[in-house]
Amino acid sequence: MTQERGASMIEIIGVLAVAGLMSAAAIGMYNSIRSNQMRKIASVELEQIAKNTKLLLGMRGDYTGLSVDYLVSAGALKNTKAPIGGDDWSVSATNNGAGYSINLTQLSEGECQYFTASKPSWATSMTVNGVDNSTSPNCFSTKTNKISFFVEPTD
């Protein structure tokens, strides 16, 4: 009697199924790590925008006329591309001109929750979808979230 060597079709399918599961898990983990890294980079960029804006206009104490285009032309920003979210973001003076806000739009729920977990140290206050963030995060499940970080003078 001869001994046959090789794997049966069921064994091969089993190995392929395990390999598929491991690949799916690795891709999911990669996407999660990539999203977190993009959020961290955006957070650092926002802090740098706040610092550059303060350096550029803080001495005069009036942020009237502030915009993304103004910051680009003054050299405080490299381009008009948003750090995260949609490209219709803005940087603008508050009503009295004594402070300014950085407004991000079209954020996903995950991005919204990331930025609302704790107020950045450079911001004096923030709103999420038009509501003060001190009460609750107020993030929507769709990619329509808007966050405004306000920087007001502290005396």
C-alpha atoms as a PDB file:
ATOM      1  CA  MET A   1       0.000   0.000   0.000  1.00  0.00           C
ATOM      2  CA  THR A   2       1.348   3.428  -0.931  1.00  0.00           C
ATOM      3  CA  GLN A   3       1.251   6.456   1.328  1.00  0.00           C
ATOM      4  CA  GLU A   4      -0.122   9.610  -0.353  1.00  0.00           C
ATOM      5  CA  ARG A   5       1.426  12.950   0.463  1.00  0.00           C
ATOM      6  CA  GLY A   6      -0.119  16.414   0.259  1.00  0.00           C
ATOM      7  CA  ALA A   7      -2.939  18.373   1.783  1.00  0.00           C
ATOM      8  CA  SER A   8      -6.612  17.864   1.226  1.00  0.00           C
ATOM      9  CA  MET A   9      -8.789  20.592  -0.239  1.00  0.00           C
ATOM     10  CA  ILE A  10     -10.377  21.219   3.206  1.00  0.00           C
ATOM     11  CA  GLU A  11      -6.961  21.766   4.805  1.00  0.00           C
ATOM     12  CA  ILE A  12      -5.987  24.259   2.109  1.00  0.00           C
ATOM     13  CA  ILE A  13      -9.281  26.147   2.508  1.00  0.00           C
ATOM     14  CA  GLY A  14      -8.728  26.225   6.286  1.00  0.00           C
ATOM     15  CA  VAL A  15      -5.252  27.721   5.883  1.00  0.00           C
ATOM     16  CA  LEU A  16      -6.569  30.327   3.432  1.00  0.00           C
ATOM     17  CA  ALA A  17      -9.410  31.229   5.819  1.00  0.00           C
ATOM     18  CA  VAL A  18      -6.974  31.784   8.706  1.00  0.00           C
ATOM     19  CA  ALA A  19      -4.699  33.863   6.458  1.00  0.00           C
ATOM     20  CA  GLY A  20      -7.711  35.941   5.348  1.00  0.00           C
ATOM     21  CA  LEU A  21      -8.754  36.622   8.945  1.00  0.00           C
ATOM     22  CA  MET A  22      -5.243  37.646   9.906  1.00  0.00           C
ATOM     23  CA  SER A  23      -5.017  39.960   6.880  1.00  0.00           C
ATOM     24  CA  ALA A  24      -8.371  41.586   7.696  1.00  0.00           C
ATOM     25  CA  ALA A  25      -7.293  42.175  11.297  1.00  0.00           C
ATOM     26  CA  ALA A  26      -3.975  43.669  10.180  1.00  0.00           C
ATOM     27  CA  ILE A  27      -5.690  46.021   7.727  1.00  0.00           C
ATOM     28  CA  GLY A  28      -8.163  47.138  10.401  1.00  0.00           C
ATOM     29  CA  MET A  29      -5.350  47.803  12.864  1.00  0.00           C
ATOM     30  CA  TYR A  30      -3.384  49.710  10.218  1.00  0.00           C
ATOM     31  CA  ASN A  31      -6.398  51.935   9.444  1.00  0.00           C
ATOM     32  CA  SER A  32      -6.936  52.641  13.140  1.00  0.00           C
ATOM     33  CA  ILE A  33      -3.290  53.547  13.697  1.00  0.00           C
ATOM     34  CA  ARG A  34      -3.268  55.705  10.562  1.00  0.00           C
ATOM     35  CA  SER A  35      -6.398  57.612  11.661  1.00  0.00           C
ATOM     36  CA  ASN A  36      -4.973  58.284  15.113  1.00  0.00           C
ATOM     37  CA  GLN A  37      -1.691  59.465  13.626  1.00  0.00           C
ATOM     38  CA  MET A  38      -3.482  61.830  11.226  1.00  0.00           C
ATOM     39  CA  ARG A  39      -5.449  63.284  14.152  1.00  0.00           C
ATOM     40  CA  LYS A  40      -2.296  63.810  16.201  1.00  0.00           C
ATOM     41  CA  ILE A  41      -0.576  65.531  13.276  1.00  0.00           C
ATOM     42  CA  ALA A  42      -3.624  67.772  12.769  1.00  0.00           C
ATOM     43  CA  SER A  43      -3.619  68.628  16.471  1.00  0.00           C
ATOM     44  CA  VAL A  44       0.027  69.715  16.276  1.00  0.00           C
ATOM     45  CA  GLU A  45      -0.695  71.735  13.121  1.00  0.00           C
ATOM     46  CA  LEU A  46      -3.613  73.501  14.831  1.00  0.00           C
ATOM     47  CA  GLU A  47      -1.398  74.416  17.771  1.00  0.00           C
ATOM     48  CA  GLN A  48       1.204  75.790  15.360  1.00  0.00           C
ATOM     49  CA  ILE A  49      -1.453  77.828  13.540  1.00  0.00           C
ATOM     50  CA  ALA A  50      -2.561  79.292  16.875  1.00  0.00           C
ATOM     51  CA  LYS A  51       1.019  80.164  17.829  1.00  0.00           C
ATOM     52  CA  ASN A  52       1.806  81.692  14.433  1.00  0.00           C
ATOM     53  CA  THR A  53      -1.388  83.752  14.511  1.00  0.00           C
ATOM     54  CA  LYS A  54      -0.558  85.043  17.981  1.00  0.00           C
ATOM     55  CA  LEU A  55       2.981  85.925  16.925  1.00  0.00           C
ATOM     56  CA  LEU A  56       1.781  87.660  13.785  1.00  0.00           C
ATOM     57  CA  LEU A  57      -1.081  89.739  15.207  1.00  0.00           C
ATOM     58  CA  GLY A  58      -0.855  89.399  18.988  1.00  0.00           C
ATOM     59  CA  MET A  59       1.328  92.458  19.494  1.00  0.00           C
ATOM     60  CA  ARG A  60      -1.228  94.796  18.006  1.00  0.00           C
ATOM     61  CA  GLY A  61      -4.027  93.153  20.054  1.00  0.00           C
ATOM     62  CA  ASP A  62      -6.478  93.266  17.164  1.00  0.00           C
ATOM     63  CA  TYR A  63      -7.232  90.294  14.917  1.00  0.00           C
ATOM     64  CA  THR A  64      -9.609  92.141  12.586  1.00  0.00           C
ATOM     65  CA  GLY A  65      -9.158  91.045   8.966  1.00  0.00           C
ATOM     66  CA  LEU A  66      -7.727  87.671   9.924  1.00  0.00           C
ATOM     67  CA  SER A  67      -8.317  84.861   7.412  1.00  0.00           C
ATOM     68  CA  VAL A  68      -6.624  81.747   6.076  1.00  0.00           C
ATOM     69  CA  ASP A  69      -5.551  83.679   2.973  1.00  0.00           C
ATOM     70  CA  TYR A  70      -4.056  86.424   5.154  1.00  0.00           C
ATOM     71  CA  LEU A  71      -2.050  83.844   7.129  1.00  0.00           C
ATOM     72  CA  VAL A  72      -0.786  82.244   3.900  1.00  0.00           C
ATOM     73  CA  SER A  73       0.248  85.584   2.398  1.00  0.00           C
ATOM     74  CA  ALA A  74       1.993  86.559   5.659  1.00  0.00           C
ATOM     75  CA  GLY A  75       3.911  83.271   5.689  1.00  0.00           C
ATOM     76  CA  ALA A  76       2.252  81.890   8.816  1.00  0.00           C
ATOM     77  CA  LEU A  77       0.708  79.008   6.798  1.00  0.00           C
ATOM     78  CA  LYS A  78       2.208  77.063   3.900  1.00  0.00           C
ATOM     79  CA  ASN A  79      -1.089  76.705   2.015  1.00  0.00           C
ATOM     80  CA  THR A  80      -4.848  76.928   2.407  1.00  0.00           C
ATOM     81  CA  LYS A  81      -5.352  73.183   2.921  1.00  0.00           C
ATOM     82  CA  ALA A  82      -7.188  72.294   6.126  1.00  0.00           C
ATOM     83  CA  PRO A  83      -5.215  70.313   8.731  1.00  0.00           C
ATOM     84  CA  ILE A  84      -8.157  67.882   8.923  1.00  0.00           C
ATOM     85  CA  GLY A  85     -11.755  67.784   7.713  1.00  0.00           C
ATOM     86  CA  GLY A  86     -13.157  69.743   4.795  1.00  0.00           C
ATOM     87  CA  ASP A  87     -11.407  72.465   2.857  1.00  0.00           C
ATOM     88  CA  ASP A  88     -13.942  75.147   3.781  1.00  0.00           C
ATOM     89  CA  TRP A  89     -12.264  75.726   7.139  1.00  0.00           C
ATOM     90  CA  SER A  90     -11.531  79.222   8.397  1.00  0.00           C
ATOM     91  CA  VAL A  91      -9.543  81.343  10.793  1.00  0.00           C
ATOM     92  CA  SER A  92     -11.370  84.515  11.748  1.00  0.00           C
ATOM     93  CA  ALA A  93     -11.448  87.307  14.291  1.00  0.00           C
ATOM     94  CA  THR A  94     -14.034  87.239  17.059  1.00  0.00           C
ATOM     95  CA  ASN A  95     -16.779  89.884  17.091  1.00  0.00           C
ATOM     96  CA  ASN A  96     -14.756  92.442  19.042  1.00  0.00           C
ATOM     97  CA  GLY A  97     -11.483  91.637  17.221  1.00  0.00           C
ATOM     98  CA  ALA A  98      -9.681  90.962  20.488  1.00  0.00           C
ATOM     99  CA  GLY A  99      -9.413  87.222  19.788  1.00  0.00           C
ATOM    100  CA  TYR A 100      -9.780  84.730  16.973  1.00  0.00           C
ATOM    101  CA  SER A 101     -11.221  81.327  16.189  1.00  0.00           C
ATOM    102  CA  ILE A 102     -10.023  78.347  14.171  1.00  0.00           C
ATOM    103  CA  ASN A 103     -13.056  76.663  12.620  1.00  0.00           C
ATOM    104  CA  LEU A 104     -12.853  73.112  11.261  1.00  0.00           C
ATOM    105  CA  THR A 105     -15.699  71.684   9.156  1.00  0.00           C
ATOM    106  CA  GLN A 106     -16.813  68.339   7.744  1.00  0.00           C
ATOM    107  CA  LEU A 107     -15.276  66.290  10.541  1.00  0.00           C
ATOM    108  CA  SER A 108     -16.240  62.658  11.021  1.00  0.00           C
ATOM    109  CA  GLU A 109     -17.700  61.529  14.330  1.00  0.00           C
ATOM    110  CA  GLY A 110     -14.357  59.975  15.312  1.00  0.00           C
ATOM    111  CA  GLU A 111     -12.441  63.149  14.485  1.00  0.00           C
ATOM    112  CA  CYS A 112     -15.002  65.212  16.381  1.00  0.00           C
ATOM    113  CA  GLN A 113     -14.742  63.003  19.458  1.00  0.00           C
ATOM    114  CA  TYR A 114     -10.934  63.077  19.299  1.00  0.00           C
ATOM    115  CA  PHE A 115     -10.792  66.875  19.356  1.00  0.00           C
ATOM    116  CA  THR A 116     -13.523  67.259  21.980  1.00  0.00           C
ATOM    117  CA  ALA A 117     -12.017  64.748  24.430  1.00  0.00           C
ATOM    118  CA  SER A 118     -10.122  67.611  26.034  1.00  0.00           C
ATOM    119  CA  LYS A 119      -9.789  71.285  25.186  1.00  0.00           C
ATOM    120  CA  PRO A 120      -6.333  72.111  23.809  1.00  0.00           C
ATOM    121  CA  SER A 121      -4.151  74.183  26.128  1.00  0.00           C
ATOM    122  CA  TRP A 122      -3.791  76.956  23.538  1.00  0.00           C
ATOM    123  CA  ALA A 123      -7.578  77.461  23.206  1.00  0.00           C
ATOM    124  CA  THR A 124      -9.589  79.385  25.785  1.00  0.00           C
ATOM    125  CA  SER A 125     -12.893  77.756  24.741  1.00  0.00           C
ATOM    126  CA  MET A 126     -14.459  75.680  21.997  1.00  0.00           C
ATOM    127  CA  THR A 127     -17.817  74.920  20.450  1.00  0.00           C
ATOM    128  CA  VAL A 128     -18.960  71.738  18.735  1.00  0.00           C
ATOM    129  CA  ASN A 129     -21.698  72.152  16.133  1.00  0.00           C
ATOM    130  CA  GLY A 130     -22.531  75.563  17.598  1.00  0.00           C
ATOM    131  CA  VAL A 131     -22.880  74.310  21.186  1.00  0.00           C
ATOM    132  CA  ASP A 132     -20.461  75.060  24.037  1.00  0.00           C
ATOM    133  CA  ASN A 133     -18.324  71.946  24.558  1.00  0.00           C
ATOM    134  CA  SER A 134     -18.366  72.170  28.371  1.00  0.00           C
ATOM    135  CA  THR A 135     -21.744  70.440  28.578  1.00  0.00           C
ATOM    136  CA  SER A 136     -21.327  67.497  26.157  1.00  0.00           C
ATOM    137  CA  PRO A 137     -19.357  66.602  23.023  1.00  0.00           C
ATOM    138  CA  ASN A 138     -22.434  66.913  20.733  1.00  0.00           C
ATOM    139  CA  CYS A 139     -20.819  65.057  17.794  1.00  0.00           C
ATOM    140  CA  PHE A 140     -23.010  63.873  14.906  1.00  0.00           C
ATOM    141  CA  SER A 141     -22.657  60.408  13.387  1.00  0.00           C
ATOM    142  CA  THR A 142     -22.313  61.918   9.904  1.00  0.00           C
ATOM    143  CA  LYS A 143     -19.332  63.769   8.457  1.00  0.00           C
ATOM    144  CA  THR A 144     -20.924  67.176   9.093  1.00  0.00           C
ATOM    145  CA  ASN A 145     -19.354  68.133  12.421  1.00  0.00           C
ATOM    146  CA  LYS A 146     -17.934  71.618  12.968  1.00  0.00           C
ATOM    147  CA  ILE A 147     -15.557  72.554  15.759  1.00  0.00           C
ATOM    148  CA  SER A 148     -14.475  76.093  16.605  1.00  0.00           C
ATOM    149  CA  PHE A 149     -11.478  76.726  18.855  1.00  0.00           C
ATOM    150  CA  PHE A 150     -11.513  80.234  20.364  1.00  0.00           C
ATOM    151  CA  VAL A 151      -8.393  82.056  21.485  1.00  0.00           C
ATOM    152  CA  GLU A 152      -9.171  85.093  23.603  1.00  0.00           C
ATOM    153  CA  PRO A 153      -6.703  87.324  25.435  1.00  0.00           C
ATOM    154  CA  THR A 154      -6.105  86.427  29.060  1.00  0.00           C
ATOM    155  CA  ASP A 155      -5.159  89.185  31.441  1.00  0.00           C
END
